[in-house]
Amino acid sequence: LEIFKQIRDTAAIYHNYLLKLQSPAPVPKKQKDLQFKITHSLQMTYRTVEGL
């Protein structure tokens, strides 16, 4: 159970980091797509962990 807590904490840190990256400054589309993919996969991981 401890490892799942660590995964969740790490996901939260990454998510906050990505939110900081989404500043008003224009972001190249490629980077935006990457951010979306990372955020999406983290959310899936988070939901999986929450469901356990």
PDB file of N, CA and C in Angstrom:
ATOM      1  N   LEU A   1       0.848  -1.208   0.000  1.00  0.00           N
ATOM      2  CA  LEU A   1       0.000   0.000   0.000  1.00  0.00           C
ATOM      3  C   LEU A   1       0.881   1.256   0.000  1.00  0.00           C
ATOM      4  N   GLU A   2       2.031   1.163   0.677  1.00  0.00           N
ATOM      5  CA  GLU A   2       2.951   2.303   0.756  1.00  0.00           C
ATOM      6  C   GLU A   2       3.411   2.748  -0.625  1.00  0.00           C
ATOM      7  N   ILE A   3       3.674   1.767  -1.509  1.00  0.00           N
ATOM      8  CA  ILE A   3       4.167   2.120  -2.850  1.00  0.00           C
ATOM      9  C   ILE A   3       3.108   2.893  -3.628  1.00  0.00           C
ATOM     10  N   PHE A   4       1.843   2.551  -3.437  1.00  0.00           N
ATOM     11  CA  PHE A   4       0.777   3.265  -4.137  1.00  0.00           C
ATOM     12  C   PHE A   4       0.683   4.702  -3.655  1.00  0.00           C
ATOM     13  N   LYS A   5       0.928   4.902  -2.368  1.00  0.00           N
ATOM     14  CA  LYS A   5       0.926   6.258  -1.820  1.00  0.00           C
ATOM     15  C   LYS A   5       2.048   7.070  -2.455  1.00  0.00           C
ATOM     16  N   GLN A   6       3.201   6.446  -2.637  1.00  0.00           N
ATOM     17  CA  GLN A   6       4.339   7.124  -3.259  1.00  0.00           C
ATOM     18  C   GLN A   6       4.022   7.488  -4.704  1.00  0.00           C
ATOM     19  N   ILE A   7       3.389   6.552  -5.419  1.00  0.00           N
ATOM     20  CA  ILE A   7       3.010   6.821  -6.814  1.00  0.00           C
ATOM     21  C   ILE A   7       2.064   8.014  -6.865  1.00  0.00           C
ATOM     22  N   ARG A   8       1.099   8.032  -5.951  1.00  0.00           N
ATOM     23  CA  ARG A   8       0.113   9.116  -5.931  1.00  0.00           C
ATOM     24  C   ARG A   8       0.781  10.453  -5.637  1.00  0.00           C
ATOM     25  N   ASP A   9       1.706  10.455  -4.672  1.00  0.00           N
ATOM     26  CA  ASP A   9       2.419  11.689  -4.330  1.00  0.00           C
ATOM     27  C   ASP A   9       3.249  12.176  -5.511  1.00  0.00           C
ATOM     28  N   THR A  10       3.931  11.243  -6.173  1.00  0.00           N
ATOM     29  CA  THR A  10       4.746  11.601  -7.338  1.00  0.00           C
ATOM     30  C   THR A  10       3.867  12.176  -8.440  1.00  0.00           C
ATOM     31  N   ALA A  11       2.730  11.540  -8.676  1.00  0.00           N
ATOM     32  CA  ALA A  11       1.796  12.020  -9.695  1.00  0.00           C
ATOM     33  C   ALA A  11       1.341  13.440  -9.370  1.00  0.00           C
ATOM     34  N   ALA A  12       1.069  13.701  -8.097  1.00  0.00           N
ATOM     35  CA  ALA A  12       0.626  15.033  -7.682  1.00  0.00           C
ATOM     36  C   ALA A  12       1.716  16.074  -7.942  1.00  0.00           C
ATOM     37  N   ILE A  13       2.964  15.706  -7.650  1.00  0.00           N
ATOM     38  CA  ILE A  13       4.090  16.624  -7.882  1.00  0.00           C
ATOM     39  C   ILE A  13       4.219  16.937  -9.367  1.00  0.00           C
ATOM     40  N   TYR A  14       4.180  15.882 -10.196  1.00  0.00           N
ATOM     41  CA  TYR A  14       4.282  16.081 -11.644  1.00  0.00           C
ATOM     42  C   TYR A  14       3.142  16.937 -12.158  1.00  0.00           C
ATOM     43  N   HIS A  15       1.946  16.685 -11.635  1.00  0.00           N
ATOM     44  CA  HIS A  15       0.779  17.434 -12.093  1.00  0.00           C
ATOM     45  C   HIS A  15       0.940  18.922 -11.774  1.00  0.00           C
ATOM     46  N   ASN A  16       1.408  19.234 -10.563  1.00  0.00           N
ATOM     47  CA  ASN A  16       1.635  20.633 -10.189  1.00  0.00           C
ATOM     48  C   ASN A  16       2.690  21.263 -11.090  1.00  0.00           C
ATOM     49  N   TYR A  17       3.734  20.481 -11.405  1.00  0.00           N
ATOM     50  CA  TYR A  17       4.799  20.956 -12.285  1.00  0.00           C
ATOM     51  C   TYR A  17       4.232  21.292 -13.663  1.00  0.00           C
ATOM     52  N   LEU A  18       3.379  20.407 -14.178  1.00  0.00           N
ATOM     53  CA  LEU A  18       2.788  20.646 -15.493  1.00  0.00           C
ATOM     54  C   LEU A  18       1.880  21.871 -15.477  1.00  0.00           C
ATOM     55  N   LEU A  19       1.158  22.070 -14.375  1.00  0.00           N
ATOM     56  CA  LEU A  19       0.294  23.247 -14.282  1.00  0.00           C
ATOM     57  C   LEU A  19       1.134  24.524 -14.329  1.00  0.00           C
ATOM     58  N   LYS A  20       2.303  24.495 -13.689  1.00  0.00           N
ATOM     59  CA  LYS A  20       3.195  25.652 -13.712  1.00  0.00           C
ATOM     60  C   LYS A  20       3.686  25.913 -15.128  1.00  0.00           C
ATOM     61  N   LEU A  21       3.914  24.826 -15.882  1.00  0.00           N
ATOM     62  CA  LEU A  21       4.400  24.972 -17.257  1.00  0.00           C
ATOM     63  C   LEU A  21       3.343  25.624 -18.143  1.00  0.00           C
ATOM     64  N   GLN A  22       2.081  25.445 -17.779  1.00  0.00           N
ATOM     65  CA  GLN A  22       0.999  25.995 -18.603  1.00  0.00           C
ATOM     66  C   GLN A  22       0.774  27.465 -18.263  1.00  0.00           C
ATOM     67  N   SER A  23       1.823  28.241 -18.429  1.00  0.00           N
ATOM     68  CA  SER A  23       1.747  29.676 -18.172  1.00  0.00           C
ATOM     69  C   SER A  23       1.177  30.369 -19.408  1.00  0.00           C
ATOM     70  N   PRO A  24       0.881  31.667 -19.318  1.00  0.00           N
ATOM     71  CA  PRO A  24       0.317  32.392 -20.459  1.00  0.00           C
ATOM     72  C   PRO A  24       1.231  32.400 -21.687  1.00  0.00           C
ATOM     73  N   ALA A  25       2.527  32.183 -21.484  1.00  0.00           N
ATOM     74  CA  ALA A  25       3.460  32.186 -22.623  1.00  0.00           C
ATOM     75  C   ALA A  25       3.049  31.127 -23.639  1.00  0.00           C
ATOM     76  N   PRO A  26       3.122  31.451 -24.928  1.00  0.00           N
ATOM     77  CA  PRO A  26       2.736  30.490 -25.959  1.00  0.00           C
ATOM     78  C   PRO A  26       3.624  29.242 -25.906  1.00  0.00           C
ATOM     79  N   VAL A  27       2.989  28.089 -25.967  1.00  0.00           N
ATOM     80  CA  VAL A  27       3.715  26.822 -25.910  1.00  0.00           C
ATOM     81  C   VAL A  27       3.623  26.140 -27.273  1.00  0.00           C
ATOM     82  N   PRO A  28       4.748  25.638 -27.782  1.00  0.00           N
ATOM     83  CA  PRO A  28       4.707  24.917 -29.067  1.00  0.00           C
ATOM     84  C   PRO A  28       3.725  23.751 -28.989  1.00  0.00           C
ATOM     85  N   LYS A  29       3.047  23.497 -30.108  1.00  0.00           N
ATOM     86  CA  LYS A  29       2.007  22.461 -30.118  1.00  0.00           C
ATOM     87  C   LYS A  29       2.563  21.103 -29.688  1.00  0.00           C
ATOM     88  N   LYS A  30       3.761  20.786 -30.142  1.00  0.00           N
ATOM     89  CA  LYS A  30       4.346  19.488 -29.802  1.00  0.00           C
ATOM     90  C   LYS A  30       4.484  19.328 -28.287  1.00  0.00           C
ATOM     91  N   GLN A  31       4.943  20.396 -27.641  1.00  0.00           N
ATOM     92  CA  GLN A  31       5.104  20.350 -26.183  1.00  0.00           C
ATOM     93  C   GLN A  31       3.751  20.251 -25.495  1.00  0.00           C
ATOM     94  N   LYS A  32       2.756  20.963 -26.034  1.00  0.00           N
ATOM     95  CA  LYS A  32       1.400  20.911 -25.459  1.00  0.00           C
ATOM     96  C   LYS A  32       0.849  19.491 -25.528  1.00  0.00           C
ATOM     97  N   ASP A  33       1.048  18.843 -26.688  1.00  0.00           N
ATOM     98  CA  ASP A  33       0.575  17.466 -26.847  1.00  0.00           C
ATOM     99  C   ASP A  33       1.249  16.548 -25.834  1.00  0.00           C
ATOM    100  N   LEU A  34       2.547  16.752 -25.644  1.00  0.00           N
ATOM    101  CA  LEU A  34       3.298  15.932 -24.694  1.00  0.00           C
ATOM    102  C   LEU A  34       2.767  16.147 -23.275  1.00  0.00           C
ATOM    103  N   GLN A  35       2.554  17.403 -22.919  1.00  0.00           N
ATOM    104  CA  GLN A  35       2.016  17.718 -21.595  1.00  0.00           C
ATOM    105  C   GLN A  35       0.660  17.038 -21.401  1.00  0.00           C
ATOM    106  N   PHE A  36      -0.169  17.085 -22.444  1.00  0.00           N
ATOM    107  CA  PHE A  36      -1.490  16.467 -22.343  1.00  0.00           C
ATOM    108  C   PHE A  36      -1.372  14.967 -22.120  1.00  0.00           C
ATOM    109  N   LYS A  37      -0.474  14.320 -22.890  1.00  0.00           N
ATOM    110  CA  LYS A  37      -0.289  12.872 -22.755  1.00  0.00           C
ATOM    111  C   LYS A  37       0.191  12.512 -21.356  1.00  0.00           C
ATOM    112  N   ILE A  38       1.160  13.280 -20.840  1.00  0.00           N
ATOM    113  CA  ILE A  38       1.696  13.009 -19.500  1.00  0.00           C
ATOM    114  C   ILE A  38       0.598  13.191 -18.452  1.00  0.00           C
ATOM    115  N   THR A  39      -0.120  14.304 -18.555  1.00  0.00           N
ATOM    116  CA  THR A  39      -1.188  14.576 -17.587  1.00  0.00           C
ATOM    117  C   THR A  39      -2.241  13.474 -17.647  1.00  0.00           C
ATOM    118  N   HIS A  40      -2.602  13.075 -18.876  1.00  0.00           N
ATOM    119  CA  HIS A  40      -3.635  12.055 -19.044  1.00  0.00           C
ATOM    120  C   HIS A  40      -3.199  10.729 -18.418  1.00  0.00           C
ATOM    121  N   SER A  41      -1.960  10.307 -18.696  1.00  0.00           N
ATOM    122  CA  SER A  41      -1.501   9.031 -18.155  1.00  0.00           C
ATOM    123  C   SER A  41      -1.385   9.089 -16.636  1.00  0.00           C
ATOM    124  N   LEU A  42      -1.000  10.264 -16.107  1.00  0.00           N
ATOM    125  CA  LEU A  42      -0.929  10.413 -14.649  1.00  0.00           C
ATOM    126  C   LEU A  42      -2.321  10.322 -14.036  1.00  0.00           C
ATOM    127  N   GLN A  43      -3.304  10.929 -14.704  1.00  0.00           N
ATOM    128  CA  GLN A  43      -4.674  10.870 -14.195  1.00  0.00           C
ATOM    129  C   GLN A  43      -5.184   9.434 -14.192  1.00  0.00           C
ATOM    130  N   MET A  44      -4.854   8.672 -15.248  1.00  0.00           N
ATOM    131  CA  MET A  44      -5.259   7.271 -15.308  1.00  0.00           C
ATOM    132  C   MET A  44      -4.615   6.498 -14.158  1.00  0.00           C
ATOM    133  N   THR A  45      -3.315   6.731 -13.953  1.00  0.00           N
ATOM    134  CA  THR A  45      -2.603   6.070 -12.852  1.00  0.00           C
ATOM    135  C   THR A  45      -3.246   6.441 -11.528  1.00  0.00           C
ATOM    136  N   TYR A  46      -3.541   7.732 -11.364  1.00  0.00           N
ATOM    137  CA  TYR A  46      -4.137   8.231 -10.124  1.00  0.00           C
ATOM    138  C   TYR A  46      -5.475   7.546  -9.859  1.00  0.00           C
ATOM    139  N   ARG A  47      -6.302   7.449 -10.903  1.00  0.00           N
ATOM    140  CA  ARG A  47      -7.621   6.815 -10.738  1.00  0.00           C
ATOM    141  C   ARG A  47      -7.472   5.350 -10.374  1.00  0.00           C
ATOM    142  N   THR A  48      -6.506   4.676 -11.006  1.00  0.00           N
ATOM    143  CA  THR A  48      -6.262   3.262 -10.711  1.00  0.00           C
ATOM    144  C   THR A  48      -5.871   3.103  -9.252  1.00  0.00           C
ATOM    145  N   VAL A  49      -4.956   3.963  -8.786  1.00  0.00           N
ATOM    146  CA  VAL A  49      -4.490   3.902  -7.397  1.00  0.00           C
ATOM    147  C   VAL A  49      -5.642   4.208  -6.440  1.00  0.00           C
ATOM    148  N   GLU A  50      -6.450   5.206  -6.790  1.00  0.00           N
ATOM    149  CA  GLU A  50      -7.587   5.579  -5.943  1.00  0.00           C
ATOM    150  C   GLU A  50      -8.565   4.401  -5.809  1.00  0.00           C
ATOM    151  N   GLY A  51      -8.705   3.640  -6.890  1.00  0.00           N
ATOM    152  CA  GLY A  51      -9.667   2.532  -6.893  1.00  0.00           C
ATOM    153  C   GLY A  51      -9.232   1.344  -6.051  1.00  0.00           C
ATOM    154  N   LEU A  52      -7.964   1.291  -5.641  1.00  0.00           N
ATOM    155  CA  LEU A  52      -7.459   0.136  -4.886  1.00  0.00           C
ATOM    156  C   LEU A  52      -7.780   0.250  -3.400  1.00  0.00           C
TER     157      LEU A  52
END
